[in-house]
Amino acid sequence: MRITRLVAGSVTAGLIGLTPIAIAAPSQAAVTLSTTTVSTPSATKVVYGDSFDVTVDVDAQDGQGVYDGTSTLYAMEVGSTAWVPVATGTYPTSSFYDVKPAAGATYKVVYGGYTDTDQGTTGKNYTASESATFTVEVARKITYPSSGFVIKGKVTPSYAKKKIVIKVSKKQNKSYKKFKTIKTDAKGKYKITLPRRGGTWYWSFVVKGDDKYLANGFVWKTFVG
């Protein structure tokens, strides 16, 4: 019995000595996760002066959304090789509203990444990522009156002393034939008085496109009974 008690006491003492090691917490640090950025424009073609929106989604490799850091919208205008920042959101997934392109351009959204300032916690670091690019084309704007045979307005931007092709047809959607070509003035303005032909006629006004801008135009209806 005496020997048994001594052995039990020795085992107990040994366990007490090991206890601090058994309950010690392992060191912890923030983990680093890769990210994926997706951007979606509300339109891919707009008229000069109009705007479009861009929605943004940033997800981490663990499948969770990213809410730390910021994302920036960049544009590269036709004819340029440089990316220019357009706007930076408050959060990674902030949408960009009322983006007004000056000309056709390619866009992308870049998430800048995020580093947890307390590296001794179980926080998360996120790597930077950028979305696939998308293009928004811009058509020139051409203004015109609401009624009458005197058609006048203005073409913008950069359409001084350039052609407007006018065609005419008895049918709204086909069989147009060339009527006349006119030119804008130094300010991009134009004016023409249409002939008072009997019956219903449709007049097509078209301004040509170029590298930066899409063609645009309108159809005008006249009637003389």
Protein backbone atom coordinates (compact mmCIF):
# COMPACT_ATOMS: atom_id res chain seq x y z
CA MET A 1 0.00 0.00 0.00
CA ARG A 2 2.86 2.35 0.76
CA ILE A 3 4.46 1.77 -2.63
CA THR A 4 1.12 2.35 -4.38
CA ARG A 5 0.71 5.77 -2.74
CA LEU A 6 4.20 6.90 -3.77
CA VAL A 7 3.60 5.98 -7.41
CA ALA A 8 0.27 7.81 -7.47
CA GLY A 9 1.85 10.91 -6.00
CA SER A 10 4.63 10.90 -8.58
CA VAL A 11 2.16 10.66 -11.45
CA THR A 12 0.09 13.52 -10.04
CA ALA A 13 3.12 15.74 -9.70
CA GLY A 14 4.07 15.02 -13.27
CA LEU A 15 0.63 15.98 -14.57
CA ILE A 16 0.68 19.25 -12.65
CA GLY A 17 3.98 20.12 -14.20
CA LEU A 18 2.63 19.54 -17.71
CA THR A 19 -0.62 21.49 -17.27
CA PRO A 20 0.66 24.96 -18.41
CA ILE A 21 1.93 23.46 -21.66
CA ALA A 22 -1.35 21.67 -22.39
CA ILE A 23 -3.55 24.80 -22.11
CA ALA A 24 -1.24 27.28 -23.86
CA ALA A 25 -2.97 28.83 -26.95
CA PRO A 26 -1.15 28.53 -30.28
CA SER A 27 0.05 31.74 -31.95
CA GLN A 28 -2.48 33.19 -34.45
CA ALA A 29 -2.15 35.58 -37.41
CA ALA A 30 -4.29 37.12 -40.15
CA VAL A 31 -4.78 34.97 -43.24
CA THR A 32 -4.29 36.23 -46.81
CA LEU A 33 -7.00 35.53 -49.38
CA SER A 34 -7.05 36.13 -53.12
CA THR A 35 -10.01 38.08 -54.57
CA THR A 36 -12.09 38.26 -57.73
CA THR A 37 -13.59 41.50 -59.03
CA VAL A 38 -16.57 41.67 -61.41
CA SER A 39 -17.92 44.89 -62.98
CA THR A 40 -21.17 45.23 -64.95
CA PRO A 41 -22.13 48.37 -66.94
CA SER A 42 -25.79 49.39 -67.29
CA ALA A 43 -25.23 50.17 -71.00
CA THR A 44 -22.60 49.60 -73.67
CA LYS A 45 -23.81 52.37 -76.00
CA VAL A 46 -24.82 55.90 -74.99
CA VAL A 47 -25.45 59.23 -76.69
CA TYR A 48 -22.95 62.00 -75.94
CA GLY A 49 -24.00 63.76 -72.74
CA ASP A 50 -25.84 60.73 -71.35
CA SER A 51 -24.47 58.57 -68.54
CA PHE A 52 -24.25 54.94 -67.46
CA ASP A 53 -23.73 53.09 -64.15
CA VAL A 54 -21.33 50.34 -63.14
CA THR A 55 -22.13 47.76 -60.46
CA VAL A 56 -19.23 46.04 -58.70
CA ASP A 57 -18.84 42.73 -56.87
CA VAL A 58 -15.69 41.65 -55.02
CA ASP A 59 -15.44 38.15 -53.52
CA ALA A 60 -12.65 36.33 -51.67
CA GLN A 61 -11.44 32.81 -52.36
CA ASP A 62 -13.39 31.57 -49.34
CA GLY A 63 -16.61 32.52 -51.11
CA GLN A 64 -17.34 35.48 -48.84
CA GLY A 65 -17.87 39.07 -49.96
CA VAL A 66 -15.07 41.58 -49.36
CA TYR A 67 -15.92 44.72 -47.38
CA ASP A 68 -12.48 46.12 -46.53
CA GLY A 69 -10.56 48.41 -48.88
CA THR A 70 -11.78 50.32 -51.95
CA SER A 71 -12.28 49.84 -55.69
CA THR A 72 -11.48 52.32 -58.48
CA LEU A 73 -13.03 52.69 -61.93
CA TYR A 74 -10.48 53.27 -64.70
CA ALA A 75 -11.01 54.34 -68.33
CA MET A 76 -8.85 54.19 -71.44
CA GLU A 77 -10.29 56.39 -74.20
CA VAL A 78 -10.13 55.30 -77.82
CA GLY A 79 -6.74 56.25 -79.26
CA SER A 80 -5.04 56.27 -75.86
CA THR A 81 -2.82 53.68 -74.20
CA ALA A 82 -3.11 55.04 -70.65
CA TRP A 83 -5.57 54.04 -67.96
CA VAL A 84 -7.04 57.07 -66.19
CA PRO A 85 -8.88 56.85 -62.83
CA VAL A 86 -12.50 57.99 -63.08
CA ALA A 87 -13.73 57.54 -59.51
CA THR A 88 -13.02 55.59 -56.32
CA GLY A 89 -15.81 54.04 -54.27
CA THR A 90 -16.20 54.14 -50.50
CA TYR A 91 -16.23 50.34 -50.30
CA PRO A 92 -14.97 47.51 -52.53
CA THR A 93 -18.48 46.91 -53.88
CA SER A 94 -19.54 50.55 -54.25
CA SER A 95 -21.33 51.12 -57.56
CA PHE A 96 -20.31 53.97 -59.85
CA TYR A 97 -23.25 56.14 -60.92
CA ASP A 98 -23.70 58.77 -63.65
CA VAL A 99 -20.48 58.03 -65.50
CA LYS A 100 -20.44 60.42 -68.50
CA PRO A 101 -17.96 59.39 -71.19
CA ALA A 102 -16.45 62.11 -73.37
CA ALA A 103 -15.86 59.55 -76.14
CA GLY A 104 -15.83 55.80 -76.65
CA ALA A 105 -13.64 54.09 -74.07
CA THR A 106 -12.66 50.81 -72.43
CA TYR A 107 -13.22 50.46 -68.68
CA LYS A 108 -12.17 48.24 -65.80
CA VAL A 109 -12.57 48.20 -62.01
CA VAL A 110 -9.52 47.61 -59.81
CA TYR A 111 -9.84 46.47 -56.20
CA GLY A 112 -6.74 47.71 -54.35
CA GLY A 113 -6.54 44.92 -51.76
CA TYR A 114 -6.47 45.24 -47.98
CA THR A 115 -3.98 44.54 -45.18
CA ASP A 116 -5.27 43.96 -41.63
CA THR A 117 -3.53 46.42 -39.32
CA ASP A 118 -3.63 43.96 -36.37
CA GLN A 119 -1.61 41.00 -37.62
CA GLY A 120 -1.84 39.27 -34.23
CA THR A 121 -5.55 38.51 -34.68
CA THR A 122 -7.49 36.15 -36.88
CA GLY A 123 -8.27 38.99 -39.32
CA LYS A 124 -8.08 38.73 -43.10
CA ASN A 125 -5.79 40.25 -45.70
CA TYR A 126 -7.03 40.52 -49.29
CA THR A 127 -4.97 40.60 -52.46
CA ALA A 128 -5.67 43.16 -55.19
CA SER A 129 -7.62 42.14 -58.30
CA GLU A 130 -9.19 43.73 -61.35
CA SER A 131 -12.28 43.02 -63.43
CA ALA A 132 -12.43 42.06 -67.07
CA THR A 133 -12.54 45.12 -69.32
CA PHE A 134 -15.70 46.35 -71.02
CA THR A 135 -16.28 48.95 -73.74
CA VAL A 136 -18.86 51.72 -73.85
CA GLU A 137 -19.38 53.33 -77.26
CA VAL A 138 -20.59 56.92 -77.60
CA ALA A 139 -22.78 58.29 -80.41
CA ARG A 140 -22.72 61.95 -81.30
CA LYS A 141 -25.74 63.95 -80.19
CA ILE A 142 -27.90 65.64 -82.82
CA THR A 143 -30.68 68.00 -81.79
CA TYR A 144 -33.75 68.93 -83.86
CA PRO A 145 -37.09 70.80 -83.46
CA SER A 146 -40.41 69.28 -82.45
CA SER A 147 -42.37 70.14 -85.61
CA GLY A 148 -42.35 72.01 -88.91
CA PHE A 149 -40.55 71.98 -92.26
CA VAL A 150 -37.56 74.03 -91.08
CA ILE A 151 -35.19 71.54 -89.51
CA LYS A 152 -32.34 72.95 -87.49
CA GLY A 153 -30.18 71.88 -84.59
CA LYS A 154 -26.65 71.10 -83.53
CA VAL A 155 -24.32 68.11 -83.60
CA THR A 156 -21.91 67.57 -80.69
CA PRO A 157 -19.10 67.09 -80.02
CA SER A 158 -16.45 68.04 -82.61
CA TYR A 159 -18.63 68.20 -85.69
CA ALA A 160 -17.76 71.55 -87.23
CA LYS A 161 -18.16 71.85 -91.02
CA LYS A 162 -18.98 68.17 -91.45
CA LYS A 163 -21.63 66.34 -93.46
CA ILE A 164 -25.18 65.38 -92.62
CA VAL A 165 -26.70 62.99 -95.15
CA ILE A 166 -30.43 63.38 -95.76
CA LYS A 167 -32.50 60.63 -97.42
CA VAL A 168 -36.22 60.45 -98.14
CA SER A 169 -38.83 57.70 -98.49
CA LYS A 170 -42.56 57.18 -98.66
CA LYS A 171 -42.13 54.31 -96.19
CA GLN A 172 -40.83 54.70 -92.66
CA ASN A 173 -38.57 51.66 -92.50
CA LYS A 174 -37.24 51.12 -96.03
CA SER A 175 -36.69 52.37 -99.59
CA TYR A 176 -34.80 55.52 -98.64
CA LYS A 177 -33.10 57.44 -101.44
CA LYS A 178 -30.55 60.20 -101.12
CA PHE A 179 -32.09 63.68 -101.07
CA LYS A 180 -29.28 66.03 -100.15
CA THR A 181 -26.02 66.37 -98.18
CA ILE A 182 -25.58 69.47 -96.05
CA LYS A 183 -22.75 70.66 -93.82
CA THR A 184 -22.70 72.03 -90.30
CA ASP A 185 -21.20 75.45 -89.58
CA ALA A 186 -18.14 76.20 -87.45
CA LYS A 187 -20.16 75.55 -84.29
CA GLY A 188 -21.66 72.26 -85.45
CA LYS A 189 -25.06 73.83 -86.22
CA TYR A 190 -27.19 72.96 -89.24
CA LYS A 191 -30.40 74.18 -90.90
CA ILE A 192 -32.51 73.08 -93.88
CA THR A 193 -36.04 73.75 -95.12
CA LEU A 194 -37.70 70.58 -96.38
CA PRO A 195 -39.91 70.74 -99.48
CA ARG A 196 -43.68 70.63 -98.96
CA ARG A 197 -44.39 67.45 -100.88
CA GLY A 198 -47.96 66.19 -101.00
CA GLY A 199 -48.76 63.20 -98.83
CA THR A 200 -46.66 61.62 -96.10
CA TRP A 201 -42.86 61.55 -96.38
CA TYR A 202 -40.09 60.34 -94.11
CA TRP A 203 -36.73 62.11 -93.97
CA SER A 204 -33.63 60.44 -92.56
CA PHE A 205 -30.86 62.64 -91.12
CA VAL A 206 -27.55 60.84 -90.42
CA VAL A 207 -24.19 62.01 -89.10
CA LYS A 208 -21.27 59.70 -89.74
CA GLY A 209 -19.24 57.97 -87.06
CA ASP A 210 -15.48 57.82 -86.62
CA ASP A 211 -12.93 56.17 -84.33
CA LYS A 212 -14.27 57.88 -81.19
CA TYR A 213 -17.97 58.25 -81.94
CA LEU A 214 -20.77 56.17 -83.40
CA ALA A 215 -22.98 57.40 -86.23
CA ASN A 216 -26.32 58.83 -85.15
CA GLY A 217 -29.43 60.37 -86.64
CA PHE A 218 -33.20 60.65 -86.63
CA VAL A 219 -36.21 60.24 -88.93
CA TRP A 220 -38.52 63.21 -89.59
CA LYS A 221 -42.10 62.90 -90.84
CA THR A 222 -43.89 65.52 -92.99
CA PHE A 223 -47.46 65.56 -94.28
CA VAL A 224 -49.21 67.80 -96.77
CA GLY A 225 -52.89 67.05 -97.41
